[in-house]
N, C-alpha and C. Protein backbone atom coordinates (compact mmCIF):
# COMPACT_ATOMS: atom_id res chain seq x y z
N MET A 1 76.18 45.24 53.56
CA MET A 1 76.88 45.28 52.22
C MET A 1 77.42 43.80 52.05
N LYS A 2 77.74 43.44 50.88
CA LYS A 2 78.32 42.05 50.63
C LYS A 2 79.76 41.94 51.18
N LYS A 3 80.11 40.84 51.61
CA LYS A 3 81.54 40.47 51.84
C LYS A 3 82.36 40.99 50.58
N ASP A 4 83.58 41.36 50.88
CA ASP A 4 84.48 41.70 49.78
C ASP A 4 83.96 42.70 48.92
N SER A 5 83.24 43.73 49.27
CA SER A 5 82.89 44.93 48.45
C SER A 5 83.94 46.09 48.91
N TYR A 6 84.13 46.86 47.90
CA TYR A 6 85.06 47.93 48.02
C TYR A 6 84.55 49.26 47.88
N LEU A 7 85.12 50.19 48.57
CA LEU A 7 84.90 51.69 48.48
C LEU A 7 86.06 52.22 47.90
N PHE A 8 86.15 52.96 46.66
CA PHE A 8 87.31 53.35 45.94
C PHE A 8 87.49 54.79 46.84
N ASP A 9 88.78 55.15 47.17
CA ASP A 9 89.41 56.49 47.36
C ASP A 9 89.42 57.16 46.09
N THR A 10 89.33 58.41 46.20
CA THR A 10 89.32 59.29 45.05
C THR A 10 90.43 58.89 44.04
N HIS A 11 91.56 58.69 44.40
CA HIS A 11 92.75 58.44 43.53
C HIS A 11 92.54 56.95 42.91
N ALA A 12 92.04 56.10 43.63
CA ALA A 12 91.82 54.70 43.16
C ALA A 12 90.81 54.83 42.02
N LEU A 13 89.78 55.58 42.17
CA LEU A 13 88.68 55.73 41.18
C LEU A 13 89.46 56.23 39.79
N ILE A 14 90.10 57.27 40.17
CA ILE A 14 90.76 57.91 38.74
C ILE A 14 91.75 57.06 38.19
N PHE A 15 92.63 56.34 38.97
CA PHE A 15 93.66 55.41 38.35
C PHE A 15 92.97 54.32 37.69
N TRP A 16 91.99 53.79 38.39
CA TRP A 16 91.36 52.53 37.53
C TRP A 16 90.56 52.89 36.44
N SER A 17 89.86 53.88 36.51
CA SER A 17 89.04 54.38 35.33
C SER A 17 89.90 54.80 34.19
N ASN A 18 90.94 55.49 34.49
CA ASN A 18 91.93 55.72 33.45
C ASN A 18 93.13 54.81 33.16
N LYS A 19 93.10 53.71 33.79
CA LYS A 19 93.94 52.69 33.54
C LYS A 19 95.45 53.02 33.64
N GLU A 20 95.71 54.00 34.77
CA GLU A 20 97.22 54.51 34.71
C GLU A 20 97.44 54.52 36.15
N SER A 21 98.88 54.53 36.22
CA SER A 21 99.56 54.55 37.71
C SER A 21 99.11 53.59 38.61
N VAL A 22 98.55 52.44 38.08
CA VAL A 22 98.33 51.18 38.80
C VAL A 22 98.78 50.01 37.96
N SER A 23 99.06 48.83 38.66
CA SER A 23 99.43 47.59 38.04
C SER A 23 98.27 47.09 37.09
N ASP A 24 98.71 46.23 36.28
CA ASP A 24 97.77 45.58 35.36
C ASP A 24 96.99 44.44 36.44
N ASP A 25 97.55 43.97 37.36
CA ASP A 25 96.86 43.19 38.35
C ASP A 25 95.67 43.99 38.96
N PHE A 26 96.12 45.18 39.32
CA PHE A 26 95.02 46.10 39.95
C PHE A 26 93.80 46.29 39.05
N ILE A 27 94.04 46.70 37.88
CA ILE A 27 93.17 46.92 36.78
C ILE A 27 92.21 45.64 36.45
N LYS A 28 92.94 44.50 36.30
CA LYS A 28 92.18 43.12 36.13
C LYS A 28 91.16 42.83 37.28
N PHE A 29 91.83 42.92 38.45
CA PHE A 29 91.20 42.60 39.65
C PHE A 29 89.88 43.34 39.96
N PHE A 30 90.00 44.81 39.59
CA PHE A 30 88.88 45.75 39.77
C PHE A 30 87.89 45.72 38.58
N ASP A 31 88.41 45.30 37.51
CA ASP A 31 87.55 45.14 36.41
C ASP A 31 86.52 44.03 36.70
N ARG A 32 87.18 42.83 37.38
CA ARG A 32 86.20 41.75 37.77
C ARG A 32 85.26 42.09 38.80
N GLN A 33 85.72 42.78 39.86
CA GLN A 33 84.97 43.36 40.87
C GLN A 33 83.86 44.33 40.29
N GLU A 34 84.16 45.26 39.35
CA GLU A 34 83.11 46.01 38.93
C GLU A 34 82.10 45.25 38.13
N GLN A 35 82.42 44.09 37.45
CA GLN A 35 81.45 43.34 36.88
C GLN A 35 80.46 42.65 37.80
N LYS A 36 81.08 42.24 38.91
CA LYS A 36 80.24 41.59 40.03
C LYS A 36 79.37 42.67 40.68
N GLY A 37 79.59 43.82 40.62
CA GLY A 37 78.90 44.89 41.24
C GLY A 37 79.34 45.23 42.82
N ASN A 38 80.68 45.06 42.86
CA ASN A 38 81.38 44.81 44.24
C ASN A 38 82.12 46.45 44.54
N ILE A 39 81.88 47.30 43.66
CA ILE A 39 82.76 48.47 43.75
C ILE A 39 81.61 49.73 43.97
N PHE A 40 82.02 50.56 45.11
CA PHE A 40 81.11 51.59 45.65
C PHE A 40 81.98 52.86 45.35
N VAL A 41 81.52 53.80 45.16
CA VAL A 41 82.01 55.20 45.12
C VAL A 41 81.13 56.18 45.84
N SER A 42 81.79 57.12 46.59
CA SER A 42 81.14 58.06 47.63
C SER A 42 80.91 59.39 46.47
N PRO A 43 79.76 59.98 46.38
CA PRO A 43 79.73 61.24 45.67
C PRO A 43 80.75 62.31 46.03
N ILE A 44 81.36 62.18 47.34
CA ILE A 44 82.46 63.01 47.86
C ILE A 44 83.68 62.98 46.87
N SER A 45 83.79 61.70 46.18
CA SER A 45 85.02 61.67 45.38
C SER A 45 84.71 62.62 44.14
N PHE A 46 83.53 62.64 43.62
CA PHE A 46 83.29 63.53 42.49
C PHE A 46 83.35 65.08 42.83
N TRP A 47 83.18 65.44 44.05
CA TRP A 47 83.28 66.67 44.45
C TRP A 47 84.96 67.10 44.54
N GLU A 48 85.46 66.02 45.20
CA GLU A 48 86.99 66.23 45.29
C GLU A 48 87.66 66.46 43.91
N ILE A 49 87.26 65.53 43.02
CA ILE A 49 87.87 65.60 41.65
C ILE A 49 87.57 66.97 41.05
N ALA A 50 86.29 67.38 41.08
CA ALA A 50 85.94 68.82 40.48
C ALA A 50 86.83 69.76 41.22
N LEU A 51 87.14 69.89 42.45
CA LEU A 51 87.83 70.76 43.11
C LEU A 51 89.34 70.67 42.61
N LEU A 52 89.91 69.49 42.42
CA LEU A 52 91.20 69.25 41.86
C LEU A 52 91.34 69.80 40.51
N VAL A 53 90.43 69.61 39.64
CA VAL A 53 90.32 70.09 38.27
C VAL A 53 90.33 71.68 38.32
N LYS A 54 89.40 72.09 39.19
CA LYS A 54 89.37 73.63 39.25
C LYS A 54 90.78 74.30 39.73
N LYS A 55 91.48 73.66 40.56
CA LYS A 55 92.69 73.95 41.09
C LYS A 55 93.84 73.77 40.13
N GLY A 56 93.58 72.95 38.86
CA GLY A 56 94.68 72.64 38.11
C GLY A 56 95.55 71.59 38.44
N LYS A 57 95.18 70.83 39.49
CA LYS A 57 95.96 69.67 39.91
C LYS A 57 95.72 68.42 39.10
N ILE A 58 94.59 68.24 38.50
CA ILE A 58 94.57 67.30 37.57
C ILE A 58 93.58 67.89 36.19
N GLU A 59 94.05 67.15 35.17
CA GLU A 59 93.33 67.68 33.92
C GLU A 59 92.19 66.75 33.57
N MET A 60 91.13 67.44 33.31
CA MET A 60 89.86 66.71 32.92
C MET A 60 88.97 67.93 32.17
N LYS A 61 88.61 67.50 30.98
CA LYS A 61 87.82 68.39 30.03
C LYS A 61 86.44 68.45 30.54
N ASP A 62 85.64 67.54 31.00
CA ASP A 62 84.27 67.53 31.15
C ASP A 62 84.03 66.59 32.48
N THR A 63 84.13 67.15 33.73
CA THR A 63 84.02 66.43 34.76
C THR A 63 82.53 65.75 34.87
N HIS A 64 81.54 66.52 34.56
CA HIS A 64 80.14 65.89 34.63
C HIS A 64 80.19 64.73 33.51
N GLY A 65 80.75 64.84 32.39
CA GLY A 65 80.86 63.64 31.40
C GLY A 65 81.45 62.53 31.78
N TRP A 66 82.64 62.76 32.53
CA TRP A 66 83.35 61.70 32.99
C TRP A 66 82.72 61.05 34.05
N LYS A 67 82.08 61.67 35.08
CA LYS A 67 81.18 60.96 36.06
C LYS A 67 80.09 60.19 35.51
N ASN A 68 79.32 60.91 34.60
CA ASN A 68 78.17 60.20 33.94
C ASN A 68 78.44 58.86 33.16
N GLU A 69 79.76 58.93 32.47
CA GLU A 69 80.03 57.78 31.53
C GLU A 69 80.43 56.63 32.67
N ILE A 70 81.19 57.06 33.66
CA ILE A 70 81.39 55.92 34.67
C ILE A 70 80.22 55.33 35.35
N LEU A 71 79.29 56.07 35.80
CA LEU A 71 78.15 55.58 36.37
C LEU A 71 77.16 54.93 35.46
N SER A 72 77.15 55.35 34.17
CA SER A 72 76.24 54.71 33.25
C SER A 72 76.88 53.40 32.64
N ASN A 73 78.24 53.36 32.51
CA ASN A 73 78.75 52.26 31.74
C ASN A 73 79.40 51.25 32.66
N THR A 74 79.24 51.21 33.88
CA THR A 74 79.81 50.32 34.88
C THR A 74 78.72 49.98 35.85
N ASN A 75 79.15 48.82 36.83
CA ASN A 75 78.13 48.47 37.65
C ASN A 75 78.57 49.15 38.99
N ILE A 76 79.56 50.28 38.99
CA ILE A 76 79.81 50.84 40.12
C ILE A 76 78.60 51.51 40.90
N LYS A 77 78.43 51.48 42.07
CA LYS A 77 77.20 51.94 42.89
C LYS A 77 77.68 53.18 43.58
N LEU A 78 76.87 54.23 43.75
CA LEU A 78 77.09 55.34 44.52
C LEU A 78 76.46 55.01 45.94
N ILE A 79 77.44 55.44 46.95
CA ILE A 79 77.10 55.20 48.39
C ILE A 79 76.91 56.66 48.86
N ASN A 80 75.70 57.18 49.14
CA ASN A 80 75.73 58.48 49.57
C ASN A 80 76.08 58.50 51.18
N PRO A 81 76.86 59.66 51.53
CA PRO A 81 76.94 59.71 52.94
C PRO A 81 75.92 60.07 53.70
N THR A 82 75.82 59.46 54.98
CA THR A 82 74.67 59.78 55.82
C THR A 82 75.11 60.76 56.86
N SER A 83 74.16 61.43 57.57
CA SER A 83 74.60 62.43 58.47
C SER A 83 75.42 61.86 59.57
N SER A 84 75.15 60.57 59.94
CA SER A 84 75.92 59.98 60.91
C SER A 84 77.41 59.60 60.55
N GLU A 85 77.62 59.41 59.29
CA GLU A 85 78.97 59.22 58.85
C GLU A 85 79.62 60.55 58.86
N MET A 86 78.85 61.49 58.34
CA MET A 86 79.57 62.81 58.47
C MET A 86 80.04 63.23 59.82
N ILE A 87 79.14 63.06 60.82
CA ILE A 87 79.55 63.17 62.17
C ILE A 87 80.58 62.42 62.70
N ASP A 88 80.62 61.07 62.32
CA ASP A 88 81.67 60.03 62.74
C ASP A 88 83.11 60.53 62.11
N SER A 89 83.02 61.25 60.96
CA SER A 89 84.21 61.73 60.31
C SER A 89 84.80 62.83 61.17
N THR A 90 84.08 63.54 61.79
CA THR A 90 84.71 64.54 62.79
C THR A 90 85.18 64.03 64.08
N LEU A 91 84.71 62.72 64.36
CA LEU A 91 84.99 62.31 65.69
C LEU A 91 86.39 61.39 65.67
N LEU A 92 86.86 60.99 64.32
CA LEU A 92 88.20 60.30 64.13
C LEU A 92 89.38 60.94 64.79
N PRO A 93 90.28 60.00 65.28
CA PRO A 93 91.54 60.79 65.63
C PRO A 93 92.12 61.60 64.55
N ASP A 94 92.97 62.41 64.92
CA ASP A 94 93.51 63.59 63.85
C ASP A 94 94.77 63.03 63.04
N HIS A 95 94.76 61.71 62.73
CA HIS A 95 95.88 61.20 61.97
C HIS A 95 95.76 61.85 60.42
N HIS A 96 94.68 62.06 60.01
CA HIS A 96 94.47 62.72 58.73
C HIS A 96 93.66 63.97 58.77
N LYS A 97 94.08 64.92 58.10
CA LYS A 97 93.46 66.24 58.25
C LYS A 97 92.28 66.41 57.06
N ASP A 98 92.47 65.60 56.03
CA ASP A 98 91.67 65.83 54.70
C ASP A 98 90.16 65.38 55.09
N PRO A 99 89.36 66.32 55.02
CA PRO A 99 87.83 66.01 55.35
C PRO A 99 87.25 65.06 54.30
N PHE A 100 87.83 65.01 53.04
CA PHE A 100 87.19 63.88 52.13
C PHE A 100 87.64 62.51 52.60
N ASP A 101 88.91 62.44 52.86
CA ASP A 101 89.40 61.03 53.35
C ASP A 101 88.75 60.73 54.57
N ARG A 102 88.56 61.52 55.47
CA ARG A 102 87.89 61.36 56.74
C ARG A 102 86.57 60.80 56.51
N LEU A 103 85.62 61.37 55.55
CA LEU A 103 84.36 60.90 55.38
C LEU A 103 84.43 59.44 54.60
N LEU A 104 85.34 59.34 53.77
CA LEU A 104 85.46 57.92 53.04
C LEU A 104 85.73 56.92 54.27
N ILE A 105 86.61 57.26 55.18
CA ILE A 105 86.91 56.22 56.23
C ILE A 105 85.66 55.97 56.94
N ALA A 106 84.75 56.97 57.31
CA ALA A 106 83.71 56.70 58.07
C ALA A 106 82.70 55.94 57.26
N GLN A 107 82.59 56.40 55.96
CA GLN A 107 81.66 55.40 55.11
C GLN A 107 82.19 53.84 55.03
N ALA A 108 83.46 53.76 54.68
CA ALA A 108 83.83 52.33 54.59
C ALA A 108 83.54 51.66 55.98
N PHE A 109 83.86 52.27 57.01
CA PHE A 109 83.82 51.63 58.28
C PHE A 109 82.27 51.24 58.54
N ARG A 110 81.27 52.14 58.44
CA ARG A 110 79.89 51.96 58.83
C ARG A 110 79.38 50.94 57.78
N ASN A 111 79.73 50.88 56.57
CA ASN A 111 79.17 50.02 55.63
C ASN A 111 79.92 48.75 55.46
N LYS A 112 80.99 48.43 56.21
CA LYS A 112 81.84 47.24 56.24
C LYS A 112 82.40 47.07 54.72
N LEU A 113 82.87 48.19 54.23
CA LEU A 113 83.61 48.12 52.74
C LEU A 113 85.04 48.10 53.09
N LEU A 114 85.81 47.55 52.14
CA LEU A 114 87.34 47.70 52.18
C LEU A 114 87.56 48.85 51.44
N LEU A 115 88.22 49.75 52.12
CA LEU A 115 88.66 51.07 51.34
C LEU A 115 89.87 50.83 50.62
N VAL A 116 89.62 51.11 49.20
CA VAL A 116 90.67 50.84 48.25
C VAL A 116 91.58 52.21 48.13
N THR A 117 92.77 52.15 48.82
CA THR A 117 93.47 53.36 48.94
C THR A 117 94.90 52.93 49.16
N LYS A 118 95.93 53.74 48.68
CA LYS A 118 97.30 53.69 48.77
C LYS A 118 97.78 54.78 49.95
N ASP A 119 96.85 55.50 50.57
CA ASP A 119 97.28 56.55 51.47
C ASP A 119 97.58 55.93 52.81
N LYS A 120 98.91 56.00 53.19
CA LYS A 120 99.42 55.46 54.50
C LYS A 120 98.76 55.86 55.66
N LYS A 121 98.32 57.26 55.71
CA LYS A 121 97.64 57.69 56.92
C LYS A 121 96.48 57.08 57.18
N ILE A 122 95.73 56.58 56.04
CA ILE A 122 94.41 56.05 56.38
C ILE A 122 94.61 54.65 57.08
N GLN A 123 95.74 54.02 56.90
CA GLN A 123 95.82 52.75 57.59
C GLN A 123 96.15 52.98 58.92
N LYS A 124 96.17 54.11 59.58
CA LYS A 124 96.39 54.31 60.98
C LYS A 124 94.98 54.12 61.64
N TYR A 125 93.81 54.17 60.83
CA TYR A 125 92.44 53.92 61.35
C TYR A 125 91.90 52.72 61.38
N ALA A 126 90.92 52.42 62.19
CA ALA A 126 90.27 51.06 62.46
C ALA A 126 89.34 50.83 61.27
N VAL A 127 89.92 50.84 60.14
CA VAL A 127 89.14 50.55 58.86
C VAL A 127 89.90 49.62 57.92
N SER A 128 89.25 48.80 57.27
CA SER A 128 90.02 47.73 56.46
C SER A 128 90.36 48.46 55.19
N THR A 129 91.54 48.33 54.72
CA THR A 129 91.93 48.88 53.45
C THR A 129 92.62 47.81 52.57
N PHE A 130 92.67 48.14 51.29
CA PHE A 130 93.02 47.19 50.33
C PHE A 130 93.82 47.93 49.19
N TRP A 131 94.91 47.32 48.62
CA TRP A 131 95.65 47.87 47.48
C TRP A 131 96.34 46.79 46.93
N ILE A 132 96.31 46.70 45.71
CA ILE A 132 97.31 45.72 44.75
C ILE A 132 98.57 46.45 44.58
């Protein structure tokens, strides 16, 4: 991967795409990174979002449409989890119990990506994180 490339945690993807719950600096910075093709998203985030919608934790009328719009209208790249990353996620220390976050940690680590997250538990792992 390129130096200074970013993997969005699920909440970072939602906040950036909806332009809410983050600073203007965050939005501007990641708008520039998106234009350069430096942002990656795991399909695991779309699965997590769909589950959150189903549980009523977030509101979204058309999850497929939202996903398709993001992937069609931006330079965001999908990074599919490998079987090694899935195994690695189970071998991490138990600081974090969320399997989605554990897989994102493993993906960011293996692909040398900065994980864009405000989750403090993730900072306990040997993965580089980033938040504005």
